[in-house]
């Protein structure tokens, strides 16, 4: 029997090779597009979702797994693992964290299944996965692993720029006035996760997202120049169908840190539902939390 097992949900954007190498499993969140229901990462890819959404002019919706389905996942993995750590999307973005805790209670496994709040999404969760895997390799005890996780969660820096307000508005994540003015003035929000909650860090004006990308790179450089970027962790460039934005981001970051720790990665379909096409992000681990 294995000592530790890590499970994420499909909002976590990891290099697939790394997930396979470290036996990381994934529970799939649910996507509804019109009358069709899809399991993220199984029934539909991000590109397929965006193509369908744009061609049908329908904004997709998302939902969490139900308690019974998640209970079955935990019970199955408990057959081969002493302890399970479940790392879902931020509790302030989705109900997945609370559902997972109810599932653990339902099967009476609170001593063996530990639900961790990522306080992140997409590649903001990825550095936390890397940290947990290293703790497993060091054979740390459960309490220390949990303590280390929440310390690391304060040091993840994820930001992303959204090209259009359409998906935020129709998904209920921005007001009608913000939607109208944002599109009219060509505003692009740079969004950060602030203690697990999505917040607009800055609005950048321009017909393209290039100025917003420059701002994100500039912020990274400030942290790098202060010696506050932990380069022992990968730097991720998540995106939703944004090849030109990724190319620009990778080129400029390579000049700062080289290309060995840069990981451009397609965001999951779950992230696509709320961000929309031509979204580009940047995530990395800080050495110390920001004030």
C-alpha atoms as a PDB file:
ATOM      1  CA  UNK A   1       0.000   0.000   0.000  1.00  0.00           C
ATOM      2  CA  UNK A   2       1.266   3.480  -0.885  1.00  0.00           C
ATOM      3  CA  UNK A   3       1.627   6.007   1.900  1.00  0.00           C
ATOM      4  CA  UNK A   4       0.415   9.118   0.061  1.00  0.00           C
ATOM      5  CA  UNK A   5      -1.787   9.847  -2.936  1.00  0.00           C
ATOM      6  CA  UNK A   6      -2.451  13.249  -4.500  1.00  0.00           C
ATOM      7  CA  UNK A   7      -5.660  14.030  -6.382  1.00  0.00           C
ATOM      8  CA  UNK A   8      -6.485  17.368  -7.998  1.00  0.00           C
ATOM      9  CA  UNK A   9      -9.524  18.518  -9.913  1.00  0.00           C
ATOM     10  CA  UNK A  10      -9.494  19.324 -13.605  1.00  0.00           C
ATOM     11  CA  UNK A  11      -9.068  23.064 -13.015  1.00  0.00           C
ATOM     12  CA  UNK A  12      -5.412  22.355 -12.147  1.00  0.00           C
ATOM     13  CA  UNK A  13      -3.238  22.829 -15.216  1.00  0.00           C
ATOM     14  CA  UNK A  14      -0.194  20.561 -14.995  1.00  0.00           C
ATOM     15  CA  UNK A  15       2.169  19.152 -17.610  1.00  0.00           C
ATOM     16  CA  UNK A  16       0.669  15.730 -18.290  1.00  0.00           C
ATOM     17  CA  UNK A  17       4.056  14.022 -18.198  1.00  0.00           C
ATOM     18  CA  UNK A  18       4.679  15.320 -14.673  1.00  0.00           C
ATOM     19  CA  UNK A  19       1.242  14.165 -13.516  1.00  0.00           C
ATOM     20  CA  UNK A  20       1.804  10.686 -14.965  1.00  0.00           C
ATOM     21  CA  UNK A  21       5.303  10.409 -13.524  1.00  0.00           C
ATOM     22  CA  UNK A  22       4.065  11.235 -10.034  1.00  0.00           C
ATOM     23  CA  UNK A  23       0.842   9.228 -10.154  1.00  0.00           C
ATOM     24  CA  UNK A  24      -1.372  12.285  -9.717  1.00  0.00           C
ATOM     25  CA  UNK A  25      -5.053  11.633 -10.367  1.00  0.00           C
ATOM     26  CA  UNK A  26      -7.710  14.119 -11.418  1.00  0.00           C
ATOM     27  CA  UNK A  27     -11.425  14.452 -10.793  1.00  0.00           C
ATOM     28  CA  UNK A  28     -13.287  16.030 -13.680  1.00  0.00           C
ATOM     29  CA  UNK A  29     -15.484  19.082 -13.231  1.00  0.00           C
ATOM     30  CA  UNK A  30     -18.624  19.369 -15.344  1.00  0.00           C
ATOM     31  CA  UNK A  31     -19.265  21.639 -18.340  1.00  0.00           C
ATOM     32  CA  UNK A  32     -22.686  22.351 -19.841  1.00  0.00           C
ATOM     33  CA  UNK A  33     -22.958  23.858 -23.313  1.00  0.00           C
ATOM     34  CA  UNK A  34     -26.521  24.235 -24.471  1.00  0.00           C
ATOM     35  CA  UNK A  35     -28.185  20.852 -23.981  1.00  0.00           C
ATOM     36  CA  UNK A  36     -24.917  18.899 -23.832  1.00  0.00           C
ATOM     37  CA  UNK A  37     -23.005  17.954 -20.684  1.00  0.00           C
ATOM     38  CA  UNK A  38     -19.276  17.212 -20.809  1.00  0.00           C
ATOM     39  CA  UNK A  39     -16.667  15.973 -18.359  1.00  0.00           C
ATOM     40  CA  UNK A  40     -13.677  18.303 -18.411  1.00  0.00           C
ATOM     41  CA  UNK A  41     -10.508  16.698 -19.848  1.00  0.00           C
ATOM     42  CA  UNK A  42     -12.415  13.526 -20.819  1.00  0.00           C
ATOM     43  CA  UNK A  43     -15.266  14.463 -23.147  1.00  0.00           C
ATOM     44  CA  UNK A  44     -14.019  17.788 -24.480  1.00  0.00           C
ATOM     45  CA  UNK A  45     -10.769  19.680 -25.014  1.00  0.00           C
ATOM     46  CA  UNK A  46     -10.283  23.444 -24.548  1.00  0.00           C
ATOM     47  CA  UNK A  47     -10.022  24.005 -28.320  1.00  0.00           C
ATOM     48  CA  UNK A  48     -13.170  21.991 -28.965  1.00  0.00           C
ATOM     49  CA  UNK A  49     -15.039  23.913 -26.280  1.00  0.00           C
ATOM     50  CA  UNK A  50     -14.008  27.309 -27.645  1.00  0.00           C
ATOM     51  CA  UNK A  51     -14.893  26.307 -31.212  1.00  0.00           C
ATOM     52  CA  UNK A  52     -18.345  25.103 -30.150  1.00  0.00           C
ATOM     53  CA  UNK A  53     -18.975  28.118 -27.952  1.00  0.00           C
ATOM     54  CA  UNK A  54     -18.048  30.592 -30.678  1.00  0.00           C
ATOM     55  CA  UNK A  55     -19.850  28.770 -33.503  1.00  0.00           C
ATOM     56  CA  UNK A  56     -23.053  28.338 -31.462  1.00  0.00           C
ATOM     57  CA  UNK A  57     -22.778  31.716 -29.697  1.00  0.00           C
ATOM     58  CA  UNK A  58     -23.344  30.031 -26.331  1.00  0.00           C
ATOM     59  CA  UNK A  59     -21.379  30.702 -23.143  1.00  0.00           C
ATOM     60  CA  UNK A  60     -20.621  27.381 -21.393  1.00  0.00           C
ATOM     61  CA  UNK A  61     -21.465  26.834 -17.737  1.00  0.00           C
ATOM     62  CA  UNK A  62     -19.595  24.828 -15.112  1.00  0.00           C
ATOM     63  CA  UNK A  63     -20.525  22.763 -12.080  1.00  0.00           C
ATOM     64  CA  UNK A  64     -18.822  20.643  -9.449  1.00  0.00           C
ATOM     65  CA  UNK A  65     -18.991  16.901  -8.929  1.00  0.00           C
ATOM     66  CA  UNK A  66     -21.682  15.706  -6.538  1.00  0.00           C
ATOM     67  CA  UNK A  67     -20.912  14.299  -3.107  1.00  0.00           C
ATOM     68  CA  UNK A  68     -21.681  10.687  -3.996  1.00  0.00           C
ATOM     69  CA  UNK A  69     -19.420  10.641  -7.059  1.00  0.00           C
ATOM     70  CA  UNK A  70     -16.548  12.151  -5.098  1.00  0.00           C
ATOM     71  CA  UNK A  71     -17.119   9.740  -2.214  1.00  0.00           C
ATOM     72  CA  UNK A  72     -16.681   6.853  -4.643  1.00  0.00           C
ATOM     73  CA  UNK A  73     -13.415   8.340  -5.919  1.00  0.00           C
ATOM     74  CA  UNK A  74     -12.041   8.560  -2.374  1.00  0.00           C
ATOM     75  CA  UNK A  75     -13.170   5.056  -1.438  1.00  0.00           C
ATOM     76  CA  UNK A  76     -11.525   3.584  -4.527  1.00  0.00           C
ATOM     77  CA  UNK A  77      -8.169   5.266  -3.882  1.00  0.00           C
ATOM     78  CA  UNK A  78      -8.228   4.396  -0.170  1.00  0.00           C
ATOM     79  CA  UNK A  79      -7.919   0.726  -1.165  1.00  0.00           C
ATOM     80  CA  UNK A  80      -4.303   1.324  -2.234  1.00  0.00           C
ATOM     81  CA  UNK A  81      -3.214   4.401  -0.257  1.00  0.00           C
ATOM     82  CA  UNK A  82      -2.895   5.152   3.440  1.00  0.00           C
ATOM     83  CA  UNK A  83      -3.536   8.880   3.019  1.00  0.00           C
ATOM     84  CA  UNK A  84      -5.158  10.908   0.253  1.00  0.00           C
ATOM     85  CA  UNK A  85      -4.590  14.622  -0.250  1.00  0.00           C
ATOM     86  CA  UNK A  86      -7.259  16.275  -2.389  1.00  0.00           C
ATOM     87  CA  UNK A  87      -6.377  19.658  -3.900  1.00  0.00           C
ATOM     88  CA  UNK A  88      -9.340  21.302  -5.674  1.00  0.00           C
ATOM     89  CA  UNK A  89      -9.861  24.787  -7.074  1.00  0.00           C
ATOM     90  CA  UNK A  90     -10.038  27.662  -4.555  1.00  0.00           C
ATOM     91  CA  UNK A  91     -12.921  27.460  -2.079  1.00  0.00           C
ATOM     92  CA  UNK A  92     -13.772  31.096  -2.913  1.00  0.00           C
ATOM     93  CA  UNK A  93     -14.185  30.334  -6.607  1.00  0.00           C
ATOM     94  CA  UNK A  94     -16.049  27.008  -6.499  1.00  0.00           C
ATOM     95  CA  UNK A  95     -18.000  24.813  -4.099  1.00  0.00           C
ATOM     96  CA  UNK A  96     -15.681  21.870  -4.801  1.00  0.00           C
ATOM     97  CA  UNK A  97     -13.725  22.287  -1.541  1.00  0.00           C
ATOM     98  CA  UNK A  98     -16.866  22.138   0.597  1.00  0.00           C
ATOM     99  CA  UNK A  99     -18.303  19.231  -1.381  1.00  0.00           C
ATOM    100  CA  UNK A 100     -15.060  17.311  -0.903  1.00  0.00           C
ATOM    101  CA  UNK A 101     -15.172  17.806   2.857  1.00  0.00           C
ATOM    102  CA  UNK A 102     -18.769  16.569   2.950  1.00  0.00           C
ATOM    103  CA  UNK A 103     -17.757  13.528   0.903  1.00  0.00           C
ATOM    104  CA  UNK A 104     -14.974  12.735   3.366  1.00  0.00           C
ATOM    105  CA  UNK A 105     -17.437  12.994   6.254  1.00  0.00           C
ATOM    106  CA  UNK A 106     -19.902  10.795   4.395  1.00  0.00           C
ATOM    107  CA  UNK A 107     -17.462   7.905   4.121  1.00  0.00           C
ATOM    108  CA  UNK A 108     -16.035   8.427   7.633  1.00  0.00           C
ATOM    109  CA  UNK A 109     -12.455   8.970   6.416  1.00  0.00           C
ATOM    110  CA  UNK A 110     -11.432  12.254   8.037  1.00  0.00           C
ATOM    111  CA  UNK A 111      -8.299  10.586   9.412  1.00  0.00           C
ATOM    112  CA  UNK A 112      -7.156   9.437   5.977  1.00  0.00           C
ATOM    113  CA  UNK A 113      -8.465  11.949   3.410  1.00  0.00           C
ATOM    114  CA  UNK A 114      -7.211  15.519   3.750  1.00  0.00           C
ATOM    115  CA  UNK A 115      -8.864  18.239   1.662  1.00  0.00           C
ATOM    116  CA  UNK A 116      -6.546  21.182   1.061  1.00  0.00           C
ATOM    117  CA  UNK A 117      -7.730  24.589  -0.095  1.00  0.00           C
ATOM    118  CA  UNK A 118      -5.533  25.567  -3.027  1.00  0.00           C
ATOM    119  CA  UNK A 119      -6.730  29.198  -2.901  1.00  0.00           C
ATOM    120  CA  UNK A 120      -5.821  29.154  -6.589  1.00  0.00           C
ATOM    121  CA  UNK A 121      -6.915  27.927  -9.996  1.00  0.00           C
ATOM    122  CA  UNK A 122      -5.248  26.743 -13.208  1.00  0.00           C
ATOM    123  CA  UNK A 123      -1.451  26.944 -13.010  1.00  0.00           C
ATOM    124  CA  UNK A 124      -1.713  28.720  -9.680  1.00  0.00           C
ATOM    125  CA  UNK A 125      -2.428  25.247  -8.295  1.00  0.00           C
ATOM    126  CA  UNK A 126       0.508  23.694 -10.167  1.00  0.00           C
ATOM    127  CA  UNK A 127       3.352  25.015  -7.925  1.00  0.00           C
ATOM    128  CA  UNK A 128       1.416  23.728  -4.912  1.00  0.00           C
ATOM    129  CA  UNK A 129       1.313  20.287  -6.520  1.00  0.00           C
ATOM    130  CA  UNK A 130       5.075  20.385  -7.024  1.00  0.00           C
ATOM    131  CA  UNK A 131       5.533  21.295  -3.368  1.00  0.00           C
ATOM    132  CA  UNK A 132       3.312  18.471  -2.144  1.00  0.00           C
ATOM    133  CA  UNK A 133       5.098  15.920  -4.333  1.00  0.00           C
ATOM    134  CA  UNK A 134       8.452  16.978  -2.852  1.00  0.00           C
ATOM    135  CA  UNK A 135       7.034  16.653   0.669  1.00  0.00           C
ATOM    136  CA  UNK A 136       5.849  13.139  -0.184  1.00  0.00           C
ATOM    137  CA  UNK A 137       9.317  12.220  -1.427  1.00  0.00           C
ATOM    138  CA  UNK A 138      10.798  13.460   1.842  1.00  0.00           C
ATOM    139  CA  UNK A 139       8.320  11.210   3.710  1.00  0.00           C
ATOM    140  CA  UNK A 140       7.101  14.051   5.914  1.00  0.00           C
ATOM    141  CA  UNK A 141       4.247  13.419   8.331  1.00  0.00           C
ATOM    142  CA  UNK A 142       0.682  14.475   7.483  1.00  0.00           C
ATOM    143  CA  UNK A 143       0.558  17.498   9.809  1.00  0.00           C
ATOM    144  CA  UNK A 144       3.821  18.874   8.432  1.00  0.00           C
ATOM    145  CA  UNK A 145       2.655  18.396   4.842  1.00  0.00           C
ATOM    146  CA  UNK A 146      -0.544  20.315   5.568  1.00  0.00           C
ATOM    147  CA  UNK A 147       1.377  23.097   7.330  1.00  0.00           C
ATOM    148  CA  UNK A 148       3.858  23.362   4.452  1.00  0.00           C
ATOM    149  CA  UNK A 149       1.038  23.514   1.917  1.00  0.00           C
ATOM    150  CA  UNK A 150      -0.657  26.515   3.490  1.00  0.00           C
ATOM    151  CA  UNK A 151       2.657  28.304   3.860  1.00  0.00           C
ATOM    152  CA  UNK A 152       3.356  27.775   0.146  1.00  0.00           C
ATOM    153  CA  UNK A 153      -0.167  28.878  -0.774  1.00  0.00           C
ATOM    154  CA  UNK A 154       0.704  32.369   0.477  1.00  0.00           C
ATOM    155  CA  UNK A 155       3.611  32.585  -1.965  1.00  0.00           C
ATOM    156  CA  UNK A 156       1.997  31.632  -5.275  1.00  0.00           C
ATOM    157  CA  UNK A 157       1.640  34.534  -7.707  1.00  0.00           C
ATOM    158  CA  UNK A 158      -0.861  34.007 -10.513  1.00  0.00           C
ATOM    159  CA  UNK A 159      -2.193  36.712 -12.792  1.00  0.00           C
ATOM    160  CA  UNK A 160      -3.905  36.536 -16.159  1.00  0.00           C
ATOM    161  CA  UNK A 161      -5.289  38.946 -18.706  1.00  0.00           C
ATOM    162  CA  UNK A 162      -8.685  38.464 -20.316  1.00  0.00           C
ATOM    163  CA  UNK A 163      -9.288  39.732 -23.825  1.00  0.00           C
ATOM    164  CA  UNK A 164     -13.077  40.009 -23.718  1.00  0.00           C
ATOM    165  CA  UNK A 165     -15.594  40.631 -20.927  1.00  0.00           C
ATOM    166  CA  UNK A 166     -18.184  38.394 -22.612  1.00  0.00           C
ATOM    167  CA  UNK A 167     -17.447  35.236 -20.656  1.00  0.00           C
ATOM    168  CA  UNK A 168     -17.059  37.032 -17.322  1.00  0.00           C
ATOM    169  CA  UNK A 169     -20.345  38.862 -17.816  1.00  0.00           C
ATOM    170  CA  UNK A 170     -22.439  35.952 -19.040  1.00  0.00           C
ATOM    171  CA  UNK A 171     -20.926  33.765 -16.349  1.00  0.00           C
ATOM    172  CA  UNK A 172     -22.100  36.223 -13.701  1.00  0.00           C
ATOM    173  CA  UNK A 173     -18.624  37.406 -12.700  1.00  0.00           C
ATOM    174  CA  UNK A 174     -18.894  41.065 -13.710  1.00  0.00           C
ATOM    175  CA  UNK A 175     -21.675  43.655 -13.846  1.00  0.00           C
ATOM    176  CA  UNK A 176     -23.521  44.815 -16.961  1.00  0.00           C
ATOM    177  CA  UNK A 177     -21.994  48.265 -16.708  1.00  0.00           C
ATOM    178  CA  UNK A 178     -18.477  46.839 -16.451  1.00  0.00           C
ATOM    179  CA  UNK A 179     -19.203  44.650 -19.457  1.00  0.00           C
ATOM    180  CA  UNK A 180     -20.442  47.554 -21.603  1.00  0.00           C
ATOM    181  CA  UNK A 181     -17.717  50.013 -20.621  1.00  0.00           C
ATOM    182  CA  UNK A 182     -14.969  47.400 -20.788  1.00  0.00           C
ATOM    183  CA  UNK A 183     -15.750  46.434 -24.346  1.00  0.00           C
ATOM    184  CA  UNK A 184     -16.430  50.012 -25.460  1.00  0.00           C
ATOM    185  CA  UNK A 185     -13.127  51.336 -24.089  1.00  0.00           C
ATOM    186  CA  UNK A 186     -11.079  48.258 -25.088  1.00  0.00           C
ATOM    187  CA  UNK A 187     -10.209  47.497 -21.468  1.00  0.00           C
ATOM    188  CA  UNK A 188      -8.460  44.261 -20.559  1.00  0.00           C
ATOM    189  CA  UNK A 189      -8.605  43.190 -16.898  1.00  0.00           C
ATOM    190  CA  UNK A 190      -5.519  41.699 -15.272  1.00  0.00           C
ATOM    191  CA  UNK A 191      -6.918  39.357 -12.654  1.00  0.00           C
ATOM    192  CA  UNK A 192      -5.186  37.981  -9.580  1.00  0.00           C
ATOM    193  CA  UNK A 193      -6.225  35.524  -6.908  1.00  0.00           C
ATOM    194  CA  UNK A 194      -6.313  37.497  -3.654  1.00  0.00           C
ATOM    195  CA  UNK A 195      -6.545  35.081  -0.700  1.00  0.00           C
ATOM    196  CA  UNK A 196      -8.344  32.670  -2.982  1.00  0.00           C
ATOM    197  CA  UNK A 197     -10.780  35.169  -4.501  1.00  0.00           C
ATOM    198  CA  UNK A 198     -10.602  36.544  -8.028  1.00  0.00           C
ATOM    199  CA  UNK A 199      -9.920  40.290  -8.067  1.00  0.00           C
ATOM    200  CA  UNK A 200      -9.069  42.777 -10.806  1.00  0.00           C
ATOM    201  CA  UNK A 201      -5.521  44.005 -10.160  1.00  0.00           C
ATOM    202  CA  UNK A 202      -5.512  46.456 -13.032  1.00  0.00           C
ATOM    203  CA  UNK A 203      -7.399  47.506 -16.151  1.00  0.00           C
ATOM    204  CA  UNK A 204      -5.206  48.018 -19.203  1.00  0.00           C
ATOM    205  CA  UNK A 205      -6.492  49.804 -22.290  1.00  0.00           C
ATOM    206  CA  UNK A 206      -5.596  48.732 -25.816  1.00  0.00           C
ATOM    207  CA  UNK A 207      -6.976  47.061 -28.906  1.00  0.00           C
ATOM    208  CA  UNK A 208      -4.852  43.996 -28.106  1.00  0.00           C
ATOM    209  CA  UNK A 209      -3.677  42.431 -24.839  1.00  0.00           C
ATOM    210  CA  UNK A 210      -0.011  43.272 -25.509  1.00  0.00           C
ATOM    211  CA  UNK A 211       0.149  46.152 -23.008  1.00  0.00           C
ATOM    212  CA  UNK A 212      -1.365  43.931 -20.335  1.00  0.00           C
ATOM    213  CA  UNK A 213       1.234  41.246 -21.078  1.00  0.00           C
ATOM    214  CA  UNK A 214       3.966  43.879 -20.748  1.00  0.00           C
ATOM    215  CA  UNK A 215       2.547  44.835 -17.352  1.00  0.00           C
ATOM    216  CA  UNK A 216       2.562  41.221 -16.148  1.00  0.00           C
ATOM    217  CA  UNK A 217       6.144  40.737 -17.323  1.00  0.00           C
ATOM    218  CA  UNK A 218       7.151  44.008 -15.643  1.00  0.00           C
ATOM    219  CA  UNK A 219       5.641  42.837 -12.348  1.00  0.00           C
ATOM    220  CA  UNK A 220       7.549  39.569 -12.639  1.00  0.00           C
ATOM    221  CA  UNK A 221      10.781  41.461 -13.287  1.00  0.00           C
ATOM    222  CA  UNK A 222      10.232  43.625 -10.188  1.00  0.00           C
ATOM    223  CA  UNK A 223       9.854  40.509  -8.052  1.00  0.00           C
ATOM    224  CA  UNK A 224      12.855  38.909  -9.776  1.00  0.00           C
ATOM    225  CA  UNK A 225      15.061  41.973  -9.226  1.00  0.00           C
ATOM    226  CA  UNK A 226      14.103  41.933  -5.551  1.00  0.00           C
ATOM    227  CA  UNK A 227      15.301  38.325  -5.347  1.00  0.00           C
ATOM    228  CA  UNK A 228      11.781  37.221  -4.506  1.00  0.00           C
ATOM    229  CA  UNK A 229      11.140  34.643  -7.251  1.00  0.00           C
ATOM    230  CA  UNK A 230      11.832  31.029  -6.279  1.00  0.00           C
ATOM    231  CA  UNK A 231      13.385  29.629  -9.449  1.00  0.00           C
ATOM    232  CA  UNK A 232      13.469  26.112  -8.032  1.00  0.00           C
ATOM    233  CA  UNK A 233       9.798  25.950  -9.093  1.00  0.00           C
ATOM    234  CA  UNK A 234       8.576  26.011 -12.701  1.00  0.00           C
ATOM    235  CA  UNK A 235       7.160  29.188 -14.208  1.00  0.00           C
ATOM    236  CA  UNK A 236       3.889  28.533 -16.009  1.00  0.00           C
ATOM    237  CA  UNK A 237       2.292  30.402 -18.901  1.00  0.00           C
ATOM    238  CA  UNK A 238      -1.335  29.193 -19.051  1.00  0.00           C
ATOM    239  CA  UNK A 239      -3.435  30.251 -22.004  1.00  0.00           C
ATOM    240  CA  UNK A 240      -6.741  29.850 -23.771  1.00  0.00           C
ATOM    241  CA  UNK A 241      -6.161  29.702 -27.546  1.00  0.00           C
ATOM    242  CA  UNK A 242      -3.604  32.528 -27.432  1.00  0.00           C
ATOM    243  CA  UNK A 243      -0.510  31.407 -29.391  1.00  0.00           C
ATOM    244  CA  UNK A 244       0.772  34.917 -30.131  1.00  0.00           C
ATOM    245  CA  UNK A 245       0.450  35.994 -26.504  1.00  0.00           C
ATOM    246  CA  UNK A 246       2.289  32.892 -25.316  1.00  0.00           C
ATOM    247  CA  UNK A 247       5.038  33.475 -27.881  1.00  0.00           C
ATOM    248  CA  UNK A 248       5.547  37.046 -26.666  1.00  0.00           C
ATOM    249  CA  UNK A 249       5.492  36.034 -22.993  1.00  0.00           C
ATOM    250  CA  UNK A 250       7.921  33.151 -23.491  1.00  0.00           C
ATOM    251  CA  UNK A 251      10.360  35.241 -25.536  1.00  0.00           C
ATOM    252  CA  UNK A 252      10.584  38.018 -22.949  1.00  0.00           C
ATOM    253  CA  UNK A 253      10.731  35.707 -19.949  1.00  0.00           C
ATOM    254  CA  UNK A 254      13.450  33.608 -21.591  1.00  0.00           C
ATOM    255  CA  UNK A 255      15.610  36.721 -21.718  1.00  0.00           C
ATOM    256  CA  UNK A 256      15.174  37.039 -17.937  1.00  0.00           C
ATOM    257  CA  UNK A 257      15.449  33.444 -16.685  1.00  0.00           C
ATOM    258  CA  UNK A 258      16.260  31.164 -19.635  1.00  0.00           C
ATOM    259  CA  UNK A 259      13.807  28.617 -20.965  1.00  0.00           C
ATOM    260  CA  UNK A 260      14.464  25.529 -18.837  1.00  0.00           C
ATOM    261  CA  UNK A 261      11.789  26.297 -16.241  1.00  0.00           C
ATOM    262  CA  UNK A 262       9.182  27.882 -18.528  1.00  0.00           C
ATOM    263  CA  UNK A 263       6.066  25.822 -19.201  1.00  0.00           C
ATOM    264  CA  UNK A 264       3.496  27.193 -21.673  1.00  0.00           C
ATOM    265  CA  UNK A 265       0.362  25.151 -21.100  1.00  0.00           C
ATOM    266  CA  UNK A 266      -3.206  25.136 -22.410  1.00  0.00           C
ATOM    267  CA  UNK A 267      -5.705  25.958 -19.700  1.00  0.00           C
ATOM    268  CA  UNK A 268      -8.383  23.385 -18.984  1.00  0.00           C
ATOM    269  CA  UNK A 269     -11.832  23.665 -20.502  1.00  0.00           C
ATOM    270  CA  UNK A 270     -13.141  24.681 -17.071  1.00  0.00           C
ATOM    271  CA  UNK A 271     -10.915  27.766 -17.125  1.00  0.00           C
ATOM    272  CA  UNK A 272     -11.928  28.482 -20.741  1.00  0.00           C
ATOM    273  CA  UNK A 273     -15.579  28.688 -19.684  1.00  0.00           C
ATOM    274  CA  UNK A 274     -14.935  31.723 -17.491  1.00  0.00           C
ATOM    275  CA  UNK A 275     -12.039  33.393 -19.282  1.00  0.00           C
ATOM    276  CA  UNK A 276     -12.821  32.982 -22.965  1.00  0.00           C
ATOM    277  CA  UNK A 277     -10.425  32.950 -25.934  1.00  0.00           C
ATOM    278  CA  UNK A 278      -7.114  34.823 -26.077  1.00  0.00           C
ATOM    279  CA  UNK A 279      -6.503  34.646 -22.331  1.00  0.00           C
ATOM    280  CA  UNK A 280      -2.884  34.515 -21.144  1.00  0.00           C
ATOM    281  CA  UNK A 281      -1.575  34.044 -17.620  1.00  0.00           C
ATOM    282  CA  UNK A 282       1.654  33.840 -15.666  1.00  0.00           C
ATOM    283  CA  UNK A 283       2.251  31.957 -12.440  1.00  0.00           C
ATOM    284  CA  UNK A 284       5.326  31.431 -10.297  1.00  0.00           C
ATOM    285  CA  UNK A 285       6.404  30.863  -6.724  1.00  0.00           C
ATOM    286  CA  UNK A 286       7.670  33.726  -4.614  1.00  0.00           C
ATOM    287  CA  UNK A 287      10.280  33.258  -1.890  1.00  0.00           C
ATOM    288  CA  UNK A 288       8.288  35.454   0.490  1.00  0.00           C
ATOM    289  CA  UNK A 289       4.604  36.483   0.455  1.00  0.00           C
ATOM    290  CA  UNK A 290       3.837  39.951  -0.826  1.00  0.00           C
ATOM    291  CA  UNK A 291       2.842  42.524   1.788  1.00  0.00           C
END
